[in-house]
Protein backbone atom coordinates (compact mmCIF):
# COMPACT_ATOMS: atom_id res chain seq x y z
CA MET A 1 0.00 0.01 0.00
CA SER A 2 1.36 3.43 -0.91
CA ASP A 3 2.36 5.97 1.73
CA SER A 4 -0.26 8.38 0.37
CA PHE A 5 -2.99 5.77 0.85
CA ASP A 6 -1.83 5.12 4.41
CA LEU A 7 -1.87 8.86 5.03
CA LEU A 8 -5.45 9.11 3.70
CA ALA A 9 -6.56 6.43 6.15
CA ARG A 10 -4.91 8.22 9.06
CA ASP A 11 -6.35 11.57 8.01
CA ILE A 12 -9.86 10.14 7.81
CA VAL A 13 -9.59 8.63 11.30
CA ARG A 14 -8.26 11.96 12.61
CA LEU A 15 -11.00 13.98 10.91
CA VAL A 16 -13.83 11.78 12.23
CA GLY A 17 -12.62 12.66 15.71
CA GLY A 18 -9.80 10.19 16.25
CA SER A 19 -9.81 6.48 17.02
CA GLY A 20 -11.39 7.14 20.39
CA ASN A 21 -14.43 8.63 18.68
CA VAL A 22 -15.02 5.54 16.51
CA LYS A 23 -17.38 2.91 17.90
CA SER A 24 -17.15 0.75 14.78
CA VAL A 25 -16.51 0.96 11.06
CA SER A 26 -17.62 -1.16 8.15
CA HIS A 27 -17.80 -0.63 4.40
CA CYS A 28 -19.93 -1.35 1.33
CA ALA A 29 -18.89 -1.08 -2.32
CA THR A 30 -17.97 2.62 -2.17
CA ARG A 31 -18.38 3.93 1.41
CA LEU A 32 -16.79 3.75 4.81
CA ARG A 33 -19.62 3.49 7.34
CA PHE A 34 -18.62 4.84 10.76
CA ARG A 35 -20.57 4.77 13.97
CA LEU A 36 -19.18 7.57 16.10
CA VAL A 37 -19.28 8.30 19.80
CA ASP A 38 -19.93 11.98 19.14
CA ASP A 39 -20.84 13.14 15.63
CA THR A 40 -20.06 16.76 16.49
CA ARG A 41 -16.35 15.94 16.83
CA ALA A 42 -16.11 15.03 13.13
CA ASP A 43 -14.72 17.74 10.86
CA ARG A 44 -17.17 17.42 7.95
CA ASP A 45 -15.83 20.31 5.92
CA ALA A 46 -12.23 19.11 6.09
CA LEU A 47 -13.30 15.59 5.15
CA LYS A 48 -15.22 16.79 2.10
CA HIS A 49 -12.22 18.77 0.95
CA ARG A 50 -9.67 15.98 1.53
CA ASP A 51 -8.28 14.58 -1.71
CA GLY A 52 -9.53 11.00 -2.08
CA VAL A 53 -12.85 11.69 -0.33
CA LEU A 54 -15.88 12.35 -2.51
CA THR A 55 -18.28 13.52 0.20
CA VAL A 56 -19.84 12.76 3.56
CA VAL A 57 -23.35 11.36 4.05
CA GLU A 58 -25.08 10.96 7.41
CA SER A 59 -27.81 8.32 7.23
CA ASN A 60 -29.22 5.39 9.26
CA GLY A 61 -27.26 6.46 12.32
CA GLN A 62 -24.05 6.15 10.31
CA PHE A 63 -21.36 8.69 9.40
CA GLN A 64 -20.60 7.62 5.83
CA VAL A 65 -17.45 8.73 4.05
CA VAL A 66 -17.82 8.18 0.31
CA ILE A 67 -14.56 7.01 -1.26
CA GLY A 68 -15.26 5.08 -4.46
CA PRO A 69 -14.22 1.62 -5.68
CA LYS A 70 -10.94 1.57 -3.67
CA VAL A 71 -12.79 1.55 -0.37
CA PRO A 72 -11.99 -2.10 0.57
CA ASP A 73 -8.24 -1.36 0.52
CA LEU A 74 -8.73 1.83 2.50
CA TYR A 75 -10.94 0.00 5.00
CA ARG A 76 -8.14 -2.47 5.76
CA GLU A 77 -5.78 0.43 6.45
CA ILE A 78 -8.29 2.09 8.77
CA ALA A 79 -9.15 -1.16 10.55
CA ALA A 80 -5.44 -1.64 11.28
CA ILE A 81 -5.36 1.76 12.97
CA LEU A 82 -8.44 1.27 15.14
CA PRO A 83 -8.65 -0.86 18.31
CA ALA A 84 -10.08 -4.34 17.63
CA GLY A 85 -10.04 -3.62 13.91
CA GLY A 86 -12.92 -1.18 14.25
CA ALA A 87 -15.35 -3.77 15.63
CA PRO A 88 -17.41 -2.63 18.65
CA ALA A 89 -17.25 -4.37 21.98
CA ALA A 90 -20.40 -6.36 22.77
CA GLU A 91 -21.47 -4.10 25.61
CA GLU A 92 -20.89 -0.99 23.48
CA LYS A 93 -22.98 -2.39 20.64
CA ALA A 94 -25.84 -3.31 22.97
CA ALA A 95 -25.87 0.19 24.44
CA GLU A 96 -25.63 1.74 20.99
CA GLU A 97 -28.59 -0.23 19.65
CA LYS A 98 -30.75 1.12 22.47
CA LYS A 99 -30.02 4.76 21.86
CA VAL A 100 -28.77 5.34 18.32
CA GLY A 101 -31.21 6.07 15.56
CA SER A 102 -34.89 5.45 15.07
CA ARG A 103 -36.38 1.99 14.64
CA LYS A 104 -36.43 2.58 10.87
CA GLU A 105 -32.73 3.46 10.89
CA ARG A 106 -31.87 0.34 12.89
CA ILE A 107 -33.85 -1.85 10.52
CA LEU A 108 -32.12 -0.35 7.48
CA ALA A 109 -28.74 -0.79 9.16
CA LEU A 110 -29.58 -4.44 9.93
CA ILE A 111 -30.62 -5.06 6.31
CA GLN A 112 -27.35 -3.58 5.09
CA ALA A 113 -25.35 -5.69 7.56
CA ILE A 114 -27.10 -8.84 6.32
CA VAL A 115 -26.99 -8.13 2.60
CA PHE A 116 -23.65 -6.39 1.92
CA PRO A 117 -21.38 -9.36 2.83
CA VAL A 118 -23.22 -11.57 0.32
CA ILE A 119 -23.36 -9.14 -2.60
CA PRO A 120 -19.80 -9.70 -3.97
CA ALA A 121 -20.37 -13.48 -4.17
CA MET A 122 -23.75 -12.96 -5.82
CA ALA A 123 -22.36 -10.49 -8.34
CA GLY A 124 -19.39 -12.68 -9.24
CA ALA A 125 -21.43 -15.86 -9.56
CA GLY A 126 -24.14 -14.07 -11.52
CA MET A 127 -21.62 -12.69 -13.99
CA LEU A 128 -20.02 -16.12 -14.43
CA LYS A 129 -23.42 -17.69 -15.04
CA ALA A 130 -24.29 -15.04 -17.63
CA ILE A 131 -21.00 -15.58 -19.48
CA ILE A 132 -21.60 -19.34 -19.56
CA VAL A 133 -25.04 -18.80 -21.04
CA VAL A 134 -23.60 -16.53 -23.74
CA LEU A 135 -20.83 -19.00 -24.57
CA GLY A 136 -23.28 -21.91 -24.64
CA ALA A 137 -25.99 -22.92 -27.03
CA ALA A 138 -28.15 -19.91 -26.13
CA GLY A 139 -25.40 -17.55 -27.21
CA LEU A 140 -22.27 -18.08 -29.29
CA GLY A 141 -22.37 -21.86 -29.28
CA TRP A 142 -18.73 -22.15 -28.17
CA LEU A 143 -19.57 -24.27 -25.12
CA ASP A 144 -21.55 -27.52 -25.24
CA PRO A 145 -24.06 -27.36 -22.34
CA ALA A 146 -23.92 -31.18 -22.06
CA SER A 147 -20.13 -31.30 -21.69
CA ALA A 148 -18.34 -31.91 -18.39
CA THR A 149 -16.62 -28.53 -18.77
CA ALA A 150 -19.98 -26.73 -18.98
CA LYS A 151 -21.40 -28.66 -16.01
CA ILE A 152 -18.40 -27.90 -13.81
CA LEU A 153 -18.59 -24.22 -14.70
CA MET A 154 -22.35 -24.21 -14.06
CA ALA A 155 -21.73 -25.82 -10.67
CA ALA A 156 -19.32 -22.99 -9.87
CA SER A 157 -21.86 -20.34 -10.87
CA ASN A 158 -24.94 -22.08 -9.39
CA SER A 159 -23.42 -22.93 -6.02
CA THR A 160 -23.83 -19.40 -4.68
CA PHE A 161 -27.53 -19.35 -5.59
CA PHE A 162 -28.35 -22.93 -4.62
CA PHE A 163 -26.80 -22.48 -1.17
CA MET A 164 -28.04 -18.90 -0.80
CA PRO A 165 -29.93 -19.83 2.41
CA LEU A 166 -26.64 -20.79 4.03
CA LEU A 167 -24.98 -17.54 2.96
CA PHE A 168 -27.77 -15.46 4.44
CA ALA A 169 -27.94 -17.59 7.58
CA TYR A 170 -24.26 -16.87 8.09
CA SER A 171 -24.46 -13.12 7.37
CA THR A 172 -27.58 -12.74 9.54
CA ALA A 173 -25.94 -14.57 12.43
CA ARG A 174 -22.89 -12.33 12.10
CA ALA A 175 -25.09 -9.23 12.07
CA MET A 176 -26.95 -10.46 15.18
CA GLU A 177 -23.67 -11.54 16.85
CA VAL A 178 -24.64 -15.14 17.52
CA PRO A 179 -22.59 -18.24 16.51
CA PRO A 180 -22.87 -18.51 12.69
CA VAL A 181 -22.10 -22.24 12.67
CA ASN A 182 -25.32 -23.05 14.56
CA ALA A 183 -27.30 -20.92 12.11
CA LEU A 184 -25.70 -22.77 9.20
CA ILE A 185 -26.65 -26.13 10.70
CA ILE A 186 -30.24 -25.08 11.41
CA VAL A 187 -30.85 -23.80 7.90
CA GLY A 188 -28.72 -26.57 6.35
CA ALA A 189 -31.09 -29.17 7.87
CA LEU A 190 -33.75 -28.00 5.41
CA MET A 191 -31.45 -28.99 2.53
CA GLU A 192 -30.22 -32.30 4.04
CA PRO A 193 -31.21 -35.45 2.05
CA ASN A 194 -33.22 -37.03 4.93
CA PHE A 195 -35.40 -33.90 4.95
CA THR A 196 -35.63 -33.28 1.22
CA SER A 197 -36.46 -36.92 0.51
CA LEU A 198 -39.72 -36.48 2.42
CA MET A 199 -41.02 -34.23 -0.37
CA LYS A 200 -42.30 -35.76 -3.60
CA THR A 201 -43.95 -32.52 -4.77
CA GLN A 202 -43.96 -28.97 -3.41
CA GLY A 203 -46.60 -28.63 -0.68
CA ASP A 204 -46.62 -32.26 0.47
CA VAL A 205 -47.62 -32.65 4.12
CA VAL A 206 -45.72 -34.93 6.52
CA TYR A 207 -46.00 -35.13 10.30
CA PHE A 208 -43.56 -34.39 13.11
CA LEU A 209 -44.82 -35.73 16.48
CA GLY A 210 -48.32 -35.59 15.03
CA LEU A 211 -47.96 -31.96 13.88
CA PRO A 212 -48.19 -31.16 10.15
CA VAL A 213 -45.12 -30.05 8.24
CA VAL A 214 -45.67 -28.50 4.79
CA MET A 215 -42.71 -29.53 2.64
CA MET A 216 -41.01 -26.85 0.60
CA ASN A 217 -37.90 -26.57 -1.54
CA TYR A 218 -35.60 -24.21 0.37
CA ALA A 219 -32.70 -24.16 -2.08
CA SER A 220 -32.06 -20.67 -3.52
CA THR A 221 -34.38 -19.00 -0.99
CA LEU A 222 -33.65 -15.94 1.12
CA VAL A 223 -36.50 -15.04 3.48
CA PRO A 224 -36.77 -18.38 5.37
CA ALA A 225 -33.04 -18.37 6.21
CA VAL A 226 -33.05 -14.77 7.44
CA ALA A 227 -36.27 -15.20 9.46
CA SER A 228 -35.09 -18.47 11.01
CA THR A 229 -31.74 -16.97 12.01
CA LEU A 230 -33.39 -13.91 13.57
CA VAL A 231 -35.57 -16.19 15.71
CA TYR A 232 -32.53 -18.35 16.52
CA SER A 233 -30.63 -15.24 17.72
CA TRP A 234 -33.47 -14.47 20.14
CA LEU A 235 -33.52 -18.06 21.38
CA TYR A 236 -29.74 -18.27 21.69
CA ARG A 237 -29.51 -15.28 24.02
CA ARG A 238 -32.19 -16.72 26.31
CA LEU A 239 -30.57 -20.15 26.39
CA GLU A 240 -27.22 -18.55 27.25
CA LYS A 241 -28.90 -16.69 30.08
CA TYR A 242 -30.59 -19.69 31.71
CA VAL A 243 -28.34 -22.67 30.88
CA PRO A 244 -25.61 -23.20 33.51
CA ALA A 245 -22.23 -21.93 32.30
CA ASN A 246 -20.52 -25.34 32.63
CA LEU A 247 -23.15 -26.89 30.28
CA THR A 248 -23.35 -24.09 27.71
CA LEU A 249 -20.79 -25.57 25.35
CA PHE A 250 -22.99 -28.46 24.19
CA VAL A 251 -26.44 -27.83 25.71
CA VAL A 252 -27.07 -24.49 23.97
CA PRO A 253 -26.22 -25.83 20.45
CA MET A 254 -28.21 -29.02 21.14
CA LEU A 255 -31.32 -27.16 22.28
CA SER A 256 -30.93 -24.67 19.43
CA LEU A 257 -31.10 -27.50 16.90
CA LEU A 258 -33.80 -29.40 18.74
CA ILE A 259 -36.07 -26.35 18.87
CA MET A 260 -35.20 -24.41 15.74
CA VAL A 261 -35.12 -27.12 13.07
CA PRO A 262 -38.70 -28.41 13.71
CA LEU A 263 -39.92 -24.83 14.28
CA THR A 264 -38.36 -23.69 11.00
CA ALA A 265 -39.72 -26.72 9.10
CA MET A 266 -43.26 -26.31 10.49
CA VAL A 267 -43.73 -22.53 10.74
CA ILE A 268 -40.88 -20.20 9.82
CA GLY A 269 -39.84 -21.86 6.58
CA PRO A 270 -43.25 -22.14 4.89
CA PHE A 271 -44.18 -18.67 6.16
CA GLY A 272 -40.96 -17.28 4.67
CA ILE A 273 -41.61 -18.96 1.33
CA TYR A 274 -45.10 -17.46 1.13
CA VAL A 275 -43.86 -13.99 2.12
CA ALA A 276 -41.13 -14.18 -0.51
CA LEU A 277 -43.64 -15.18 -3.20
CA ILE A 278 -46.03 -12.40 -2.18
CA VAL A 279 -43.26 -9.79 -2.40
CA ALA A 280 -42.03 -11.12 -5.75
CA LYS A 281 -45.51 -11.26 -7.22
CA ALA A 282 -46.26 -7.75 -5.90
CA VAL A 283 -43.24 -6.38 -7.77
CA THR A 284 -44.28 -8.25 -10.89
CA PHE A 285 -47.84 -6.98 -10.52
CA LEU A 286 -46.63 -3.36 -10.30
CA SER A 287 -44.40 -3.90 -13.31
CA ASN A 288 -47.18 -5.49 -15.35
CA THR A 289 -49.87 -3.02 -14.25
CA SER A 290 -47.89 0.08 -15.21
CA GLY A 291 -44.46 -0.81 -16.46
CA LEU A 292 -43.97 2.72 -17.73
CA LEU A 293 -44.59 4.31 -14.31
CA PHE A 294 -42.69 1.57 -12.48
CA GLY A 295 -39.63 1.96 -14.70
CA ALA A 296 -39.76 5.74 -14.64
CA VAL A 297 -39.83 5.90 -10.83
CA VAL A 298 -36.93 3.44 -10.47
CA GLY A 299 -34.86 4.99 -13.27
CA ALA A 300 -35.32 8.54 -12.01
CA GLY A 301 -35.27 7.82 -8.27
CA TRP A 302 -32.45 5.31 -7.80
CA THR A 303 -29.71 7.94 -7.70
CA TYR A 304 -31.45 9.70 -4.82
CA LEU A 305 -31.48 6.46 -2.81
CA VAL A 306 -27.75 6.25 -3.46
CA ILE A 307 -27.31 9.83 -2.27
CA LEU A 308 -29.22 9.02 0.94
CA GLY A 309 -27.22 5.82 1.37
CA VAL A 310 -30.31 3.61 1.69
CA HIS A 311 -30.17 1.85 -1.71
CA GLY A 312 -29.08 -1.36 0.01
CA SER A 313 -32.58 -1.80 1.40
CA VAL A 314 -33.86 -2.62 -2.10
CA VAL A 315 -31.27 -5.36 -2.72
CA PRO A 316 -33.14 -8.10 -0.80
CA ILE A 317 -36.19 -7.56 -3.06
CA MET A 318 -34.07 -8.03 -6.18
CA LEU A 319 -32.35 -11.12 -4.78
CA ASN A 320 -35.75 -12.50 -3.82
CA ASN A 321 -36.96 -11.99 -7.38
CA PHE A 322 -34.01 -13.97 -8.74
CA ALA A 323 -34.70 -16.74 -6.23
CA SER A 324 -38.45 -16.84 -6.96
CA PHE A 325 -38.53 -16.34 -10.73
CA GLY A 326 -34.97 -16.66 -12.02
CA PHE A 327 -34.99 -13.02 -13.19
CA ASP A 328 -35.55 -9.50 -11.88
CA VAL A 329 -37.30 -6.45 -13.40
CA ILE A 330 -35.91 -3.85 -10.98
CA ARG A 331 -32.25 -4.08 -12.05
CA PRO A 332 -32.79 -2.94 -15.66
CA PRO A 333 -34.27 0.51 -14.84
CA ILE A 334 -31.56 0.83 -12.17
CA ALA A 335 -29.09 0.36 -15.02
CA CYS A 336 -30.76 3.36 -16.69
CA ALA A 337 -29.97 5.49 -13.64
CA THR A 338 -26.37 4.20 -13.69
CA PHE A 339 -25.79 4.95 -17.38
CA ALA A 340 -27.58 8.29 -17.01
CA GLN A 341 -24.87 9.34 -14.58
CA GLY A 342 -22.27 8.24 -17.12
CA GLY A 343 -24.03 10.36 -19.73
CA ALA A 344 -24.09 13.33 -17.37
CA ALA A 345 -20.34 12.99 -16.88
CA PHE A 346 -19.77 12.84 -20.66
CA GLY A 347 -22.03 15.83 -21.26
CA ALA A 348 -20.18 17.72 -18.55
CA PHE A 349 -16.86 16.81 -20.19
CA LEU A 350 -18.01 18.24 -23.51
CA ARG A 351 -19.32 21.42 -21.89
CA MET A 352 -16.49 22.13 -19.43
CA ARG A 353 -13.74 24.61 -20.24
CA GLN A 354 -11.23 24.02 -17.47
CA LYS A 355 -8.79 21.21 -18.25
CA LYS A 356 -8.69 19.82 -14.69
CA ASN A 357 -12.49 19.54 -14.60
CA LYS A 358 -12.60 17.84 -18.02
CA THR A 359 -9.98 15.34 -16.82
CA PHE A 360 -11.96 14.66 -13.67
CA ALA A 361 -15.16 14.09 -15.66
CA LEU A 362 -13.45 11.51 -17.88
CA SER A 363 -11.82 9.78 -14.91
CA CYS A 364 -15.26 9.42 -13.25
CA MET A 365 -16.67 7.67 -16.32
CA LEU A 366 -14.28 4.69 -16.18
CA PRO A 367 -15.54 3.23 -12.84
CA MET A 368 -19.12 3.67 -14.10
CA LEU A 369 -18.60 2.09 -17.52
CA LEU A 370 -16.57 -0.86 -16.27
CA GLY A 371 -17.81 -1.35 -12.72
CA GLY A 372 -21.15 0.35 -12.38
CA ILE A 373 -19.79 2.72 -9.69
CA THR A 374 -21.51 6.10 -9.91
CA GLU A 375 -20.58 7.85 -6.65
CA PRO A 376 -17.63 9.77 -8.15
CA ILE A 377 -19.99 11.21 -10.76
CA VAL A 378 -22.90 11.76 -8.36
CA TYR A 379 -20.89 13.69 -5.79
CA GLY A 380 -18.14 15.11 -7.99
CA ILE A 381 -20.31 16.36 -10.84
CA SER A 382 -24.08 15.87 -10.51
CA ILE A 383 -24.54 17.32 -7.03
CA ARG A 384 -21.71 19.80 -7.36
CA TYR A 385 -23.09 21.44 -10.51
CA ARG A 386 -26.77 20.57 -9.92
CA ARG A 387 -27.87 20.69 -13.54
CA PRO A 388 -26.26 17.32 -14.47
CA LEU A 389 -28.31 15.76 -11.65
CA LEU A 390 -31.51 17.08 -13.23
CA ALA A 391 -30.35 15.85 -16.65
CA ALA A 392 -29.57 12.38 -15.32
CA THR A 393 -32.90 12.23 -13.48
CA ILE A 394 -34.76 12.96 -16.72
CA GLY A 395 -32.60 10.64 -18.80
CA GLY A 396 -32.84 7.79 -16.29
CA GLY A 397 -36.58 8.26 -15.88
CA VAL A 398 -37.34 8.30 -19.61
CA ALA A 399 -35.16 5.25 -20.36
CA GLY A 400 -36.44 3.47 -17.25
CA ALA A 401 -40.02 4.02 -18.44
CA PHE A 402 -39.10 2.39 -21.74
CA MET A 403 -37.53 -0.60 -20.03
CA GLY A 404 -40.49 -0.95 -17.69
CA THR A 405 -42.91 -0.86 -20.63
CA MET A 406 -40.93 -3.58 -22.41
CA THR A 407 -40.57 -5.62 -19.15
CA VAL A 408 -36.82 -5.91 -19.57
CA LYS A 409 -35.31 -8.64 -17.39
CA ALA A 410 -31.98 -9.22 -15.66
CA TYR A 411 -30.96 -12.85 -15.15
CA ALA A 412 -28.19 -12.34 -12.60
CA TYR A 413 -27.44 -9.90 -9.81
CA ILE A 414 -24.65 -7.63 -11.05
CA PHE A 415 -23.58 -3.99 -11.04
CA PRO A 416 -24.78 -2.53 -14.38
CA SER A 417 -21.83 -1.75 -16.67
CA LEU A 418 -20.49 -2.56 -20.09
CA ILE A 419 -18.75 -5.73 -18.94
CA THR A 420 -21.88 -7.10 -17.28
CA LEU A 421 -24.05 -7.01 -20.42
CA PRO A 422 -24.27 -10.85 -20.52
CA ALA A 423 -26.38 -10.77 -17.34
CA PHE A 424 -29.24 -9.32 -19.44
CA PHE A 425 -28.88 -11.75 -22.33
CA GLY A 426 -32.35 -13.04 -23.30
CA GLU A 427 -35.48 -12.13 -25.19
CA THR A 428 -35.41 -8.53 -23.89
CA PHE A 429 -31.68 -7.92 -24.42
CA VAL A 430 -32.17 -5.62 -27.40
CA TYR A 431 -34.52 -3.43 -25.35
CA TYR A 432 -31.91 -3.31 -22.60
CA LEU A 433 -29.29 -2.03 -25.04
CA ILE A 434 -31.72 0.57 -26.35
CA GLY A 435 -32.58 1.66 -22.80
CA ILE A 436 -29.05 2.15 -21.49
CA THR A 437 -27.98 3.85 -24.71
CA ALA A 438 -30.94 6.21 -24.53
CA SER A 439 -30.28 7.04 -20.89
CA PHE A 440 -26.61 7.81 -21.60
CA VAL A 441 -27.24 9.87 -24.74
CA LEU A 442 -30.22 11.79 -23.41
CA SER A 443 -28.48 12.64 -20.13
CA ALA A 444 -25.35 13.74 -21.97
CA LEU A 445 -27.38 15.88 -24.36
CA LEU A 446 -29.44 17.51 -21.59
CA THR A 447 -26.31 18.18 -19.51
CA TYR A 448 -24.69 19.87 -22.51
CA ILE A 449 -27.86 21.93 -23.17
CA PHE A 450 -28.37 22.90 -19.50
CA GLY A 451 -24.71 23.90 -19.24
CA ILE A 452 -22.10 23.76 -16.49
CA ASP A 453 -21.43 26.75 -14.26
CA GLU A 454 -17.79 26.05 -13.39
CA ASP A 455 -17.38 29.43 -11.74
CA GLY A 456 -20.67 29.45 -9.81
CA PRO A 457 -21.45 28.46 -6.24
CA VAL A 458 -20.71 24.90 -5.22
CA ALA A 459 -23.35 22.69 -3.60
CA PRO A 460 -22.78 22.20 0.15
CA ASP A 461 -22.09 18.46 -0.15
CA ALA A 462 -19.76 18.76 -3.14
CA PRO A 463 -16.15 17.62 -2.95
CA PRO A 464 -13.45 19.97 -4.17
CA GLY A 465 -12.21 19.95 -7.72
CA PRO A 466 -9.51 17.40 -8.51
């Protein structure tokens, strides 16, 4: 790691009030997410004007420092500086949960803590699966779907989705700070051959101690695993409280399995399946009822969720759609919002006069085009100059309305970019190409027409020029 990168990490810790002011820190794809002892000790203005920092966002009880795609490397540097790697002590976290943020903020923070650790695996596996489809009979015909090579590659790409309940059981247990191994075993029991062999068809009824158990296929599901692990976390804390300390080692795991596996099979699992189907069908209903309005709202509004830092709350719905139907209709209009920001950056580049600003605009486009990362554009151009944000909102909304009308589908969870095009390969692929092209071109054109006031006032949340 370069000395300058190490210095940036130390400056960020200093400007948020020092290591003693940091309760904990985590990160997502582009942001450092701090929980601070005293928010007033953070020097917001200095942070926003520090090279390498795009802006600061305060949301969900978190002090978020927006960095860009290099945030994982920076996080490791910061974690090395902070006591315990930036993880909160158990008693500190318990006290924090009681007093920090509203219930809504705590729920959003919990969703993010559950979902974010799983996203990289989902994105990587989804992209691999899309590439295999393109290379196979459905695409270029370079890969025989019946060959051992194709089957091994499909196993690599399908594993993440087939065992998705285990991934979410693990991440939920980590978020709730209970032993993840027990959560894995509880949810894994629903995928064990002795259990799955009881089901001939979906909805079969068998009996456990005379009580009915509705058999379901839990592979590739999300809601049952999360719900079961949340209940398990409640049970675990009560067992720890009442089981004698010298028996905890084996009695608590034993009782957890004895109680949670039948309870999940009889109640939590089927309930979770039905909830997941209701949510998925509701999204499909909205899309089918008014695809134009649905796509327009998502295409125009997604960037504002990113600005607020709450876009992660929509991810479980998309993942649930993939699990329930094998495709998702939310991701395509989101891609319109992403490419609209790229268009805004290109329009700004064409309109700008100052060389350093033109260079910055071009440099912001590369993470968007290749990785789907828009924060550098959003905070460095759209919010700073205001008019590009309006242009991207219009461009994303118009293109999103088109995609919604054509019911464009994504077949894998990815970050929309040029290199992830295979994830949209299917009967609506042409409409997807038209949509992202329209959002880019329209946003670029509107940004150029609206103009860029390089010498005017800067928005409060804008980072400095490069």
